[in-house]
Each structure stands twice: as C-alpha cells, then as structure tokens.
Amino acid sequence: MQNNIGLNSEGDVNFSKSREKWINSLDNKSKDFLKADEAIFMKQSMSTPCMDVIVNAKGCYVTDMAGKEYLDFHGNSIHQVGYKNSYVIEAVINQMKELPFVPRRYTSDIVIRAANALANKTTSKDYKVLFTPSGTAAVGIAIKIARKVTGRHKVISMWESFHGAGLDSISVGGEYAFKKDMGPLMPGCIKAIPYNGYRNLIGSESTGVVSDFCLNYIEYIIKNEGDIGAILLEPVRATDTHIPPRSYFIKLREICDENEILLIFDEIPTAIGRSGEFYVHQNFDVEPDILVLGKGLGGGIIPQAAVLTKTKYDKAGDISLGHYTHEKPAVGSAAICATIDFIDQNNLLDNCRKISEHVKEKAKELYNTYECIGDIRILGLLITFEFVRSRDSKVKYEELAEKVLYKSLELGLSFKVSAGNCITWHPPLIVTKNEIDKAFGIFDRAIKCSLYNMYKF
C-alpha cells in the first residue's frame, strides 16, 4: 500500500534537483513558455512542473520547440496507432463534416457501428455498451451498474491501483497522491492486496504462492465483510506491469461466480492491443462482467471512453447511469472505428507480439549486464524494468531510476517512472524493430552513464 513515504520521488511531485537541472538546460524560449504555463495552470502533483514544450507529435515521436526529437514510449498510453495517424484524422474530419454531434434521445449509424466494433472484439461478443467522455466517468458508471444489478454497494479494489481522479474513482483507487487531504470518500470501498509477484525473464518466480495469498485474502474479505457487489482491478497494472498468472484469473472468476459478485476489469491504459491481444483479459482466458476502456480508444486524437457490460446485466433502464452530453459521440465513434480498422488492416496485434519477442531478447541482455535491474516484466508492449540496490534485497533504487530517466531524455528517449524505481515503456503498436533497438541503445547508455556518475570517486 502507498502512504506519504517516497511521495517526492520522480513521477509524484517532480520537485527533484534532476527536474530543476533539466528545465534549466532548455533554451530561453522554451523556459519562457514553461513560465507562462505555470502562471495560468493550477499546480498538481505528477503533472507539474512541465519538463518541456512540444510542437509536434507524429508516429512514435514528439518534437520539442528547439527541434529535438524524442522517441516517446510514454504517450499517456494513448498512442497505440501512433500520433497524428492520418487514417484516424481523415475519419474524424469526415465525421465532423457529415455529423459532428448527436443530441440526446437520438442515435446514428456511426455510434452503433462503434459500439458493435467494441463488442465484436470481445471473446463472447455478449456485451452492451455505454460511451463516456473519460475513463474516470466510465469507472463511476461501472460501479453504479454493479450496485444496481447486485443491490450491494461495497466494492473490493486493490492498493496501489489507479482508476481515475474523480472522487468516486479515487475512493476505489489505491494511490495516496490522489487521496491526500480529500477527507471522507465514497463508503463501501475495501482494499485488497494487489498481485505483486516477480515475473522476470530469467525465470525466478513465485507466482503460485503470491497468487494464492492474494486470492485467499480476497476470499477472507468476502466472508467477513459481506455485502460485496463487485471486485474491481486492473488485470495488468499499467504503471509497473505486474502480470498475474492465468490461474489467478481463473480462480478469481470462480470466486465472483460463487458469491454472485460482478468482476470489473479496468483496461483503460492497457487495452486496444498493447498486451498482444485486443483486450488484456484475453491473455488469461476469462471474461469480466464489466469492462472499462479509454485512453487509446480515441486513436490518440479524441478523448473517449466506454463501458462494456454483459448483456444479462442490462437492468438499469429505470435510472440514468451516465446521461452524458456526449453519450452518443459521433466524432469519438468515428475515431474508435478508424482505430480498430487501422489495427486490423495493418496486423498490429501480430506486430505487437513479434516486437515483444524482440524486446524480451534485448531485455535479457540488459538483465545479464546490470545487477541493478532486479526484475523485468513484459506482456506484449507493456514493459517494466525495476531498479533495485541488490537483487537479493529488492530494495528500491529510486535515485538511479531518476538519473536514468533524465539521461535517456537527454539522449532522446521518453518514458514513465512509476513506484519510484520502475521504468515503464508503452511503445505504440506501430513501433519497429529499429526503433526498439534505438531505445535499448539509449537506455543501455543511460544506465551505464548514471551508474558511473553515481559511483565515480
């Protein structure tokens, strides 16, 4: 679980000397824009201060004001089909010209096609759809559906999870930075132990033991708490790529069925192909009762989210689950259809799986070279390198992760630092083998330089 310990690590508050040094290294024009940004936007952890000013984003790359290009393996997890995808842009423009908005109480061909496209990508094809303007809103709707269907208001979610920044979603979320100073949250939210098993490429593993422990605790909560309507979790945690074994999900599905509890999967940052399957849960041969989607759903252009619910739970016709202004989003639906078409037509799931195997080979080389890499977790193009002071102790090496980030940025590679010591890559599905090689070349150099600078006398 998280508390205020380590809240000043990179990715949380970003007031580090490294961030300050990085900003000071920028050209004066960029620094002027950063000052203008700080003057008008509210400060918040994780988002401020900004580290650079970009003027373009295309494919796998972003370009800053000084003309420097970064290979972007961060992308806020929205660029599965690459930035500025011309196929998606054309579909969005055509939709804006034809029908930009569908007023409430009406429907249109494009929104029906988008909803069917999402349902048809599921294994069972047995889902109903609601669109929402954001992932946070989608999580809120999922919780409301579970309450309506089961008549029970309590939900089990996981420590360290993230489900959005709204008051209801931080109630079920597990990150301290979002709850700090917020006072009373939504009642009925119970935290369980997340799956945090080590799953590195060399094969040291205790997945079964960790899995059983986590599941036993969930069963303990159900037995002793009562009135549980739903279990909500990220099947693969996006921030640091913890990947439960298939047996974990099979047993979890059984637990939910035995207790008439709805299983909700939050795949907002991880679905739309980045795991190697269109939906993450398809890697584990289970289906949730409710599936929450967002981020890359809009093709990296339109903010768009959705809730998919098993058809048998379509039981809320007498209440307003969402009633959003954009609940039948014409332009967002065009982006959804174009994104799915582009993935299918270009065999991007196959590319994801092929590139993932190449990533694993390159990652093994790094693991065998650097003792500071304690674990590497990969599913498709969901990739995390965990930095530790020693593999035996698994003590976090946050200082090294921070230095590796800024050296990588200096060399032209952008990614996310999570949990203080985890470097996470989310490359787009269009990434090439050459771009992966380029990223590993930068990463290797960044680790080597950072270690040298930390230990030189």
Protein backbone atom coordinates (compact mmCIF):
# COMPACT_ATOMS: atom_id res chain seq x y z
CA MET A 1 0.00 0.00 0.00
CA GLN A 2 1.12 3.58 -0.53
CA ASN A 3 1.50 6.33 2.02
CA ASN A 4 3.42 9.57 2.17
CA ILE A 5 6.74 7.74 2.08
CA GLY A 6 8.52 8.40 -1.19
CA LEU A 7 5.98 10.98 -2.36
CA ASN A 8 8.83 13.19 -3.54
CA SER A 9 10.17 10.59 -5.95
CA GLU A 10 10.15 11.20 -9.70
CA GLY A 11 6.65 10.96 -11.14
CA ASP A 12 4.93 12.02 -7.92
CA VAL A 13 5.75 15.65 -7.20
CA ASN A 14 8.66 16.32 -9.58
CA PHE A 15 10.46 18.91 -7.47
CA SER A 16 13.72 17.00 -7.71
CA LYS A 17 17.11 18.53 -8.46
CA SER A 18 17.11 16.47 -11.64
CA ARG A 19 13.90 18.13 -12.88
CA GLU A 20 15.25 21.56 -11.97
CA LYS A 21 18.54 20.87 -13.76
CA TRP A 22 16.69 19.56 -16.81
CA ILE A 23 14.47 22.65 -17.08
CA ASN A 24 17.47 24.95 -16.66
CA SER A 25 19.18 23.22 -19.59
CA LEU A 26 16.42 24.23 -22.01
CA ASP A 27 16.64 27.21 -24.36
CA ASN A 28 15.25 30.54 -23.18
CA LYS A 29 12.20 30.44 -25.46
CA SER A 30 11.14 27.08 -24.05
CA LYS A 31 11.69 28.27 -20.49
CA ASP A 32 9.51 31.32 -21.19
CA PHE A 33 6.67 29.03 -22.30
CA LEU A 34 7.11 26.87 -19.19
CA LYS A 35 6.81 30.00 -17.06
CA ALA A 36 3.67 31.01 -18.97
CA ASP A 37 2.23 27.54 -18.37
CA GLU A 38 2.95 27.74 -14.65
CA ALA A 39 1.36 31.20 -14.47
CA ILE A 40 -2.02 30.12 -15.85
CA PHE A 41 -2.45 26.43 -14.92
CA MET A 42 -3.05 25.12 -11.42
CA LYS A 43 -0.24 23.08 -9.97
CA GLN A 44 -0.79 19.41 -9.23
CA SER A 45 1.47 16.51 -8.43
CA MET A 46 2.54 14.24 -11.28
CA SER A 47 1.71 16.91 -13.88
CA THR A 48 3.71 19.95 -12.85
CA PRO A 49 6.13 21.48 -13.42
CA CYS A 50 6.13 20.58 -17.11
CA MET A 51 9.52 19.46 -18.41
CA ASP A 52 9.45 20.76 -21.99
CA VAL A 53 7.35 22.37 -24.72
CA ILE A 54 6.42 20.25 -27.72
CA VAL A 55 5.40 21.48 -31.17
CA ASN A 56 4.72 18.18 -32.94
CA ALA A 57 3.76 14.58 -32.26
CA LYS A 58 3.85 12.06 -35.09
CA GLY A 59 4.15 8.28 -35.16
CA CYS A 60 6.37 7.22 -32.24
CA TYR A 61 7.93 10.64 -31.78
CA VAL A 62 7.37 14.03 -30.19
CA THR A 63 9.38 17.12 -31.15
CA ASP A 64 10.13 19.99 -28.79
CA MET A 65 10.34 23.71 -29.50
CA ALA A 66 14.08 23.56 -30.01
CA GLY A 67 13.63 20.90 -32.70
CA LYS A 68 14.77 17.97 -30.58
CA GLU A 69 13.01 14.69 -31.30
CA TYR A 70 12.11 12.16 -28.60
CA LEU A 71 11.19 8.54 -29.18
CA ASP A 72 8.11 8.50 -26.97
CA PHE A 73 7.43 5.30 -25.06
CA HIS A 74 5.17 7.17 -22.61
CA GLY A 75 2.39 8.78 -24.62
CA ASN A 76 -0.03 8.77 -21.70
CA SER A 77 -0.88 5.30 -23.06
CA ILE A 78 -3.00 6.79 -25.86
CA HIS A 79 -0.85 6.35 -28.99
CA GLN A 80 -1.42 2.70 -29.92
CA VAL A 81 -1.78 3.64 -33.61
CA GLY A 82 0.82 6.39 -33.36
CA TYR A 83 0.49 10.12 -33.05
CA LYS A 84 -1.19 12.05 -35.86
CA ASN A 85 -2.43 8.87 -37.52
CA SER A 86 -3.65 10.04 -40.93
CA TYR A 87 -6.27 7.30 -41.23
CA VAL A 88 -7.90 8.28 -37.94
CA ILE A 89 -7.60 12.00 -38.69
CA GLU A 90 -9.34 11.57 -42.03
CA ALA A 91 -12.18 9.61 -40.41
CA VAL A 92 -12.61 12.26 -37.72
CA ILE A 93 -12.60 15.13 -40.22
CA ASN A 94 -15.13 13.39 -42.46
CA GLN A 95 -17.38 12.74 -39.47
CA MET A 96 -17.16 16.36 -38.36
CA LYS A 97 -18.24 17.44 -41.82
CA GLU A 98 -21.09 14.92 -42.02
CA LEU A 99 -22.46 14.80 -38.44
CA PRO A 100 -20.39 16.31 -35.61
CA PHE A 101 -22.86 15.82 -32.75
CA VAL A 102 -25.77 13.55 -31.85
CA PRO A 103 -28.21 15.24 -29.44
CA ARG A 104 -29.63 13.23 -26.57
CA ARG A 105 -32.56 10.95 -27.40
CA TYR A 106 -31.18 10.39 -30.92
CA THR A 107 -28.78 7.88 -32.39
CA SER A 108 -26.82 7.47 -35.61
CA ASP A 109 -25.12 4.86 -37.76
CA ILE A 110 -21.59 5.74 -36.60
CA VAL A 111 -22.26 5.32 -32.87
CA ILE A 112 -23.96 1.96 -33.43
CA ARG A 113 -21.04 0.78 -35.57
CA ALA A 114 -18.52 1.87 -32.92
CA ALA A 115 -20.38 0.09 -30.11
CA ASN A 116 -20.67 -3.08 -32.18
CA ALA A 117 -16.99 -2.90 -33.12
CA LEU A 118 -16.02 -2.94 -29.44
CA ALA A 119 -18.45 -5.72 -28.54
CA ASN A 120 -17.33 -7.80 -31.52
CA LYS A 121 -13.73 -7.64 -30.33
CA THR A 122 -14.68 -9.47 -27.12
CA THR A 123 -14.42 -13.25 -26.97
CA SER A 124 -18.11 -13.92 -26.30
CA LYS A 125 -19.49 -10.90 -28.21
CA ASP A 126 -22.09 -10.81 -25.45
CA TYR A 127 -21.83 -7.20 -24.22
CA LYS A 128 -23.86 -3.99 -24.19
CA VAL A 129 -22.06 -0.63 -24.43
CA LEU A 130 -22.19 2.84 -22.91
CA PHE A 131 -19.90 5.65 -24.04
CA THR A 132 -18.48 8.21 -21.63
CA PRO A 133 -16.21 11.23 -22.10
CA SER A 134 -13.47 9.95 -19.77
CA GLY A 135 -12.08 6.84 -18.14
CA THR A 136 -12.87 8.20 -14.70
CA ALA A 137 -16.52 8.60 -15.68
CA ALA A 138 -16.53 5.07 -17.08
CA VAL A 139 -15.28 3.66 -13.77
CA GLY A 140 -18.08 5.52 -11.98
CA ILE A 141 -20.68 4.01 -14.30
CA ALA A 142 -19.23 0.52 -13.81
CA ILE A 143 -19.64 0.88 -10.04
CA LYS A 144 -23.21 2.14 -10.47
CA ILE A 145 -24.08 -0.83 -12.68
CA ALA A 146 -22.70 -3.25 -10.09
CA ARG A 147 -24.75 -1.60 -7.34
CA LYS A 148 -27.93 -1.66 -9.45
CA VAL A 149 -27.51 -5.28 -10.55
CA THR A 150 -26.49 -6.79 -7.20
CA GLY A 151 -28.28 -4.50 -4.76
CA ARG A 152 -24.99 -4.31 -2.84
CA HIS A 153 -22.86 -1.20 -2.54
CA LYS A 154 -19.46 -2.50 -1.39
CA VAL A 155 -16.60 -2.95 -3.83
CA ILE A 156 -13.21 -4.61 -3.38
CA SER A 157 -10.35 -2.90 -5.19
CA MET A 158 -6.58 -3.01 -4.84
CA TRP A 159 -3.96 -0.99 -3.02
CA GLU A 160 -1.66 0.86 -5.46
CA SER A 161 -4.33 0.72 -8.21
CA PHE A 162 -5.33 3.71 -10.30
CA HIS A 163 -8.84 4.15 -11.69
CA GLY A 164 -9.01 7.90 -12.36
CA ALA A 165 -9.03 11.16 -10.45
CA GLY A 166 -12.74 11.70 -9.71
CA LEU A 167 -13.95 11.48 -6.12
CA ASP A 168 -15.62 8.11 -6.74
CA SER A 169 -12.65 6.70 -8.66
CA ILE A 170 -10.10 7.78 -6.05
CA SER A 171 -12.31 6.09 -3.48
CA VAL A 172 -11.72 2.77 -5.21
CA GLY A 173 -8.18 3.71 -6.27
CA GLY A 174 -5.17 2.90 -4.15
CA GLU A 175 -2.69 5.72 -4.76
CA TYR A 176 -2.10 8.09 -1.86
CA ALA A 177 -1.24 11.13 -4.01
CA PHE A 178 -4.85 11.29 -5.23
CA LYS A 179 -6.46 10.92 -1.79
CA LYS A 180 -4.24 13.20 0.28
CA ASP A 181 -6.29 15.91 2.08
CA MET A 182 -9.54 14.82 0.37
CA GLY A 183 -11.42 13.91 3.53
CA PRO A 184 -14.28 11.39 3.52
CA LEU A 185 -14.50 9.35 0.35
CA MET A 186 -17.23 7.10 -1.05
CA PRO A 187 -18.28 4.48 1.53
CA GLY A 188 -18.09 0.76 0.92
CA CYS A 189 -14.64 0.74 -0.71
CA ILE A 190 -12.45 -2.06 0.63
CA LYS A 191 -8.82 -2.56 -0.33
CA ALA A 192 -7.30 -5.95 -1.03
CA ILE A 193 -3.71 -6.96 -1.67
CA PRO A 194 -2.71 -6.49 -5.32
CA TYR A 195 -0.83 -9.14 -7.20
CA ASN A 196 2.83 -8.08 -6.98
CA GLY A 197 4.63 -11.28 -7.90
CA TYR A 198 8.03 -11.12 -9.52
CA ARG A 199 7.98 -12.37 -13.09
CA ASN A 200 11.36 -11.68 -14.61
CA LEU A 201 12.72 -13.05 -17.85
CA ILE A 202 15.25 -15.35 -16.23
CA GLY A 203 12.59 -17.45 -14.57
CA SER A 204 12.86 -16.83 -10.82
CA GLU A 205 9.25 -16.82 -9.82
CA SER A 206 6.79 -17.44 -7.04
CA THR A 207 3.62 -16.62 -8.96
CA GLY A 208 1.63 -19.51 -7.49
CA VAL A 209 2.44 -18.64 -3.89
CA VAL A 210 1.79 -14.93 -4.39
CA SER A 211 -1.37 -15.60 -6.37
CA ASP A 212 -2.84 -17.92 -3.72
CA PHE A 213 -2.04 -15.47 -0.95
CA CYS A 214 -3.78 -12.58 -2.73
CA LEU A 215 -6.83 -14.66 -3.61
CA ASN A 216 -7.12 -16.08 -0.10
CA TYR A 217 -7.21 -12.55 1.26
CA ILE A 218 -9.98 -11.58 -1.17
CA GLU A 219 -12.00 -14.59 -0.03
CA TYR A 220 -11.37 -13.60 3.59
CA ILE A 221 -12.79 -10.12 2.90
CA ILE A 222 -15.87 -11.54 1.19
CA LYS A 223 -16.54 -13.94 4.06
CA ASN A 224 -16.04 -11.42 6.87
CA GLU A 225 -17.26 -8.19 5.32
CA GLY A 226 -20.41 -9.19 3.46
CA ASP A 227 -22.47 -7.09 1.05
CA ILE A 228 -19.78 -7.13 -1.66
CA GLY A 229 -21.21 -6.24 -5.06
CA ALA A 230 -18.09 -6.01 -7.19
CA ILE A 231 -14.37 -6.66 -7.43
CA LEU A 232 -12.53 -4.02 -9.45
CA LEU A 233 -8.96 -4.38 -10.66
CA GLU A 234 -6.53 -3.74 -13.49
CA PRO A 235 -5.85 -7.21 -14.93
CA VAL A 236 -2.32 -5.99 -15.65
CA ARG A 237 -1.30 -2.93 -13.69
CA ALA A 238 -0.28 -0.29 -16.20
CA THR A 239 2.10 1.70 -14.05
CA ASP A 240 4.61 -1.07 -13.34
CA THR A 241 3.34 -4.06 -15.36
CA HIS A 242 2.54 -6.63 -12.70
CA ILE A 243 1.20 -9.69 -14.54
CA PRO A 244 -0.77 -12.30 -12.57
CA PRO A 245 -0.69 -15.88 -13.87
CA ARG A 246 -3.68 -17.33 -15.72
CA SER A 247 -4.55 -19.41 -12.64
CA TYR A 248 -5.10 -16.19 -10.64
CA PHE A 249 -7.84 -15.05 -13.03
CA ILE A 250 -9.47 -18.45 -13.34
CA LYS A 251 -9.80 -18.67 -9.55
CA LEU A 252 -10.89 -15.02 -9.26
CA ARG A 253 -13.63 -15.66 -11.80
CA GLU A 254 -14.77 -18.68 -9.77
CA ILE A 255 -14.82 -16.64 -6.55
CA CYS A 256 -17.00 -13.98 -8.16
CA ASP A 257 -19.41 -16.54 -9.64
CA GLU A 258 -19.74 -18.46 -6.37
CA ASN A 259 -20.56 -15.26 -4.45
CA GLU A 260 -22.64 -13.53 -7.17
CA ILE A 261 -20.14 -10.68 -7.31
CA LEU A 262 -19.53 -8.75 -10.53
CA LEU A 263 -15.96 -8.75 -11.83
CA ILE A 264 -14.88 -5.39 -13.27
CA PHE A 265 -11.69 -5.04 -15.31
CA ASP A 266 -10.19 -1.59 -15.78
CA GLU A 267 -8.24 -1.81 -19.04
CA ILE A 268 -8.21 1.93 -19.74
CA PRO A 269 -4.43 2.25 -20.29
CA THR A 270 -3.66 -1.32 -21.34
CA ALA A 271 -6.30 -2.47 -23.86
CA ILE A 272 -6.61 -1.75 -27.59
CA GLY A 273 -3.86 -4.18 -28.47
CA ARG A 274 -0.88 -3.24 -26.37
CA SER A 275 -0.82 -6.55 -24.48
CA GLY A 276 -0.69 -8.52 -27.72
CA GLU A 277 -4.44 -9.17 -27.57
CA PHE A 278 -7.08 -6.57 -28.28
CA TYR A 279 -8.31 -6.77 -24.68
CA VAL A 280 -5.88 -7.61 -21.88
CA HIS A 281 -8.07 -10.25 -20.26
CA GLN A 282 -7.97 -12.29 -23.48
CA ASN A 283 -4.44 -13.28 -22.47
CA PHE A 284 -5.90 -15.14 -19.48
CA ASP A 285 -8.98 -16.95 -20.89
CA VAL A 286 -11.51 -15.18 -18.70
CA GLU A 287 -14.12 -12.51 -19.31
CA PRO A 288 -15.20 -9.79 -16.88
CA ASP A 289 -18.80 -8.88 -16.19
CA ILE A 290 -17.92 -5.24 -16.84
CA LEU A 291 -15.03 -3.90 -18.93
CA VAL A 292 -13.85 -0.30 -18.74
CA LEU A 293 -11.96 1.26 -21.66
CA GLY A 294 -10.44 4.64 -22.50
CA LYS A 295 -7.19 6.41 -23.50
CA GLY A 296 -6.15 4.87 -26.86
CA LEU A 297 -9.80 4.25 -27.73
CA GLY A 298 -9.93 7.64 -29.47
CA GLY A 299 -6.92 6.97 -31.69
CA GLY A 300 -4.73 9.43 -29.81
CA ILE A 301 -6.96 12.28 -31.01
CA ILE A 302 -10.39 12.24 -29.34
CA PRO A 303 -10.86 11.81 -25.57
CA GLN A 304 -13.12 8.78 -25.48
CA ALA A 305 -14.05 6.03 -23.01
CA ALA A 306 -16.55 3.20 -22.84
CA VAL A 307 -18.15 0.67 -20.51
CA LEU A 308 -18.96 -2.82 -21.79
CA THR A 309 -21.34 -4.87 -19.64
CA LYS A 310 -22.51 -8.44 -20.06
CA THR A 311 -25.90 -8.43 -21.79
CA LYS A 312 -27.64 -10.18 -18.89
CA TYR A 313 -26.82 -7.21 -16.65
CA ASP A 314 -28.62 -4.67 -18.83
CA LYS A 315 -31.01 -3.93 -15.97
CA ALA A 316 -30.77 -0.19 -15.33
CA GLY A 317 -33.42 1.12 -17.70
CA ASP A 318 -35.21 2.91 -14.87
CA ILE A 319 -32.23 5.05 -13.78
CA SER A 320 -29.72 7.34 -15.51
CA LEU A 321 -26.34 5.62 -15.40
CA GLY A 322 -24.50 8.32 -17.31
CA HIS A 323 -26.78 10.71 -19.17
CA TYR A 324 -23.70 12.48 -20.52
CA THR A 325 -23.91 15.27 -23.09
CA HIS A 326 -21.68 13.18 -25.36
CA GLU A 327 -23.18 9.78 -24.57
CA LYS A 328 -23.61 9.09 -28.32
CA PRO A 329 -20.33 10.67 -29.52
CA ALA A 330 -20.31 10.87 -33.31
CA VAL A 331 -16.73 12.10 -33.69
CA GLY A 332 -15.42 9.84 -30.93
CA SER A 333 -17.17 6.87 -32.55
CA ALA A 334 -15.53 7.67 -35.88
CA ALA A 335 -12.17 7.64 -34.10
CA ILE A 336 -12.98 4.28 -32.47
CA CYS A 337 -13.97 2.66 -35.77
CA ALA A 338 -10.92 4.06 -37.57
CA THR A 339 -8.57 2.95 -34.79
CA ILE A 340 -9.90 -0.61 -34.84
CA ASP A 341 -9.83 -0.71 -38.66
CA PHE A 342 -6.24 0.54 -38.72
CA ILE A 343 -5.13 -2.07 -36.17
CA ASP A 344 -6.83 -4.86 -38.14
CA GLN A 345 -5.78 -3.76 -41.61
CA ASN A 346 -2.15 -3.38 -40.59
CA ASN A 347 -1.95 -6.55 -38.47
CA LEU A 348 -0.76 -4.52 -35.49
CA LEU A 349 -1.55 -7.24 -32.96
CA ASP A 350 0.84 -9.53 -34.81
CA ASN A 351 3.41 -6.75 -34.91
CA CYS A 352 2.99 -6.22 -31.17
CA ARG A 353 3.64 -9.88 -30.45
CA LYS A 354 6.65 -10.08 -32.79
CA ILE A 355 8.21 -6.90 -31.44
CA SER A 356 7.54 -8.12 -27.89
CA GLU A 357 9.71 -11.19 -28.51
CA HIS A 358 12.50 -8.93 -29.74
CA VAL A 359 12.08 -6.73 -26.65
CA LYS A 360 12.44 -9.80 -24.43
CA GLU A 361 15.73 -10.77 -26.08
CA LYS A 362 17.13 -7.25 -25.72
CA ALA A 363 15.86 -7.07 -22.14
CA LYS A 364 17.62 -10.33 -21.22
CA GLU A 365 20.89 -8.82 -22.38
CA LEU A 366 20.35 -5.84 -20.08
CA TYR A 367 19.35 -8.07 -17.18
CA ASN A 368 22.51 -10.12 -17.56
CA THR A 369 24.62 -6.97 -17.77
CA TYR A 370 23.29 -4.88 -14.89
CA GLU A 371 22.75 -6.20 -11.36
CA CYS A 372 20.74 -3.06 -10.61
CA ILE A 373 17.89 -4.41 -12.74
CA GLY A 374 16.04 -6.60 -10.28
CA ASP A 375 13.10 -7.58 -12.43
CA ILE A 376 11.77 -7.17 -15.96
CA ARG A 377 8.06 -7.68 -16.64
CA ILE A 378 6.74 -7.81 -20.20
CA LEU A 379 3.37 -8.57 -21.75
CA GLY A 380 3.18 -7.53 -25.38
CA LEU A 381 4.37 -3.92 -25.37
CA LEU A 382 3.63 -3.37 -21.69
CA ILE A 383 7.19 -3.29 -20.38
CA THR A 384 8.73 -2.51 -16.98
CA PHE A 385 12.33 -2.53 -15.73
CA GLU A 386 12.60 -2.46 -11.94
CA PHE A 387 15.73 -0.93 -10.43
CA VAL A 388 16.99 -2.30 -7.10
CA ARG A 389 20.07 -1.85 -4.94
CA SER A 390 20.56 -5.60 -4.92
CA ARG A 391 18.60 -8.50 -6.38
CA ASP A 392 18.66 -10.31 -3.07
CA SER A 393 17.17 -7.49 -1.03
CA LYS A 394 14.95 -5.99 -3.79
CA VAL A 395 15.38 -2.59 -2.08
CA LYS A 396 14.17 0.14 -4.43
CA TYR A 397 16.84 2.17 -6.23
CA GLU A 398 14.82 5.32 -6.86
CA GLU A 399 17.80 7.62 -7.28
CA LEU A 400 19.16 5.52 -10.13
CA ALA A 401 15.79 5.30 -11.90
CA GLU A 402 15.51 9.09 -11.80
CA LYS A 403 19.00 9.60 -13.20
CA VAL A 404 18.38 7.05 -15.95
CA LEU A 405 15.20 8.91 -16.93
CA TYR A 406 16.91 12.26 -17.37
CA LYS A 407 19.92 10.82 -19.16
CA SER A 408 17.54 8.97 -21.51
CA LEU A 409 15.65 12.21 -22.15
CA GLU A 410 18.94 13.91 -22.90
CA LEU A 411 19.65 11.17 -25.46
CA GLY A 412 16.15 11.30 -26.98
CA LEU A 413 14.02 8.63 -25.26
CA SER A 414 10.93 9.41 -23.17
CA PHE A 415 9.17 7.01 -20.78
CA LYS A 416 7.42 6.85 -17.43
CA VAL A 417 8.88 6.30 -13.96
CA SER A 418 6.44 4.53 -11.64
CA ALA A 419 6.55 3.49 -7.98
CA GLY A 420 9.81 5.42 -7.65
CA ASN A 421 12.05 2.72 -9.10
CA CYS A 422 10.18 1.25 -12.08
CA ILE A 423 10.87 2.42 -15.61
CA THR A 424 7.88 1.62 -17.79
CA TRP A 425 7.67 1.66 -21.57
CA HIS A 426 4.41 1.70 -23.53
CA PRO A 427 5.55 1.83 -27.17
CA PRO A 428 2.82 2.22 -29.80
CA LEU A 429 1.76 -0.81 -31.80
CA ILE A 430 3.37 0.68 -34.92
CA VAL A 431 6.85 0.61 -33.36
CA THR A 432 9.55 -1.00 -35.49
CA LYS A 433 12.43 -3.31 -34.59
CA ASN A 434 14.87 -0.50 -35.45
CA GLU A 435 13.09 1.88 -33.06
CA ILE A 436 13.24 -0.74 -30.30
CA ASP A 437 16.96 -1.17 -30.96
CA LYS A 438 17.39 2.61 -30.81
CA ALA A 439 15.53 2.73 -27.48
CA PHE A 440 17.65 -0.04 -25.96
CA GLY A 441 20.83 1.64 -27.19
CA ILE A 442 19.85 4.86 -25.43
CA PHE A 443 18.67 3.00 -22.33
CA ASP A 444 21.89 0.99 -22.06
CA ARG A 445 23.99 4.12 -22.37
CA ALA A 446 21.82 5.94 -19.83
CA ILE A 447 22.21 3.16 -17.24
CA LYS A 448 25.95 2.97 -17.80
CA CYS A 449 26.43 6.75 -17.52
CA SER A 450 24.17 7.03 -14.47
CA LEU A 451 25.99 4.24 -12.62
CA TYR A 452 29.38 5.74 -13.49
CA ASN A 453 28.38 9.22 -12.26
CA MET A 454 26.93 7.83 -9.03
CA TYR A 455 29.98 5.77 -8.12
CA LYS A 456 32.92 7.71 -9.53
CA PHE A 457 35.43 8.98 -6.99
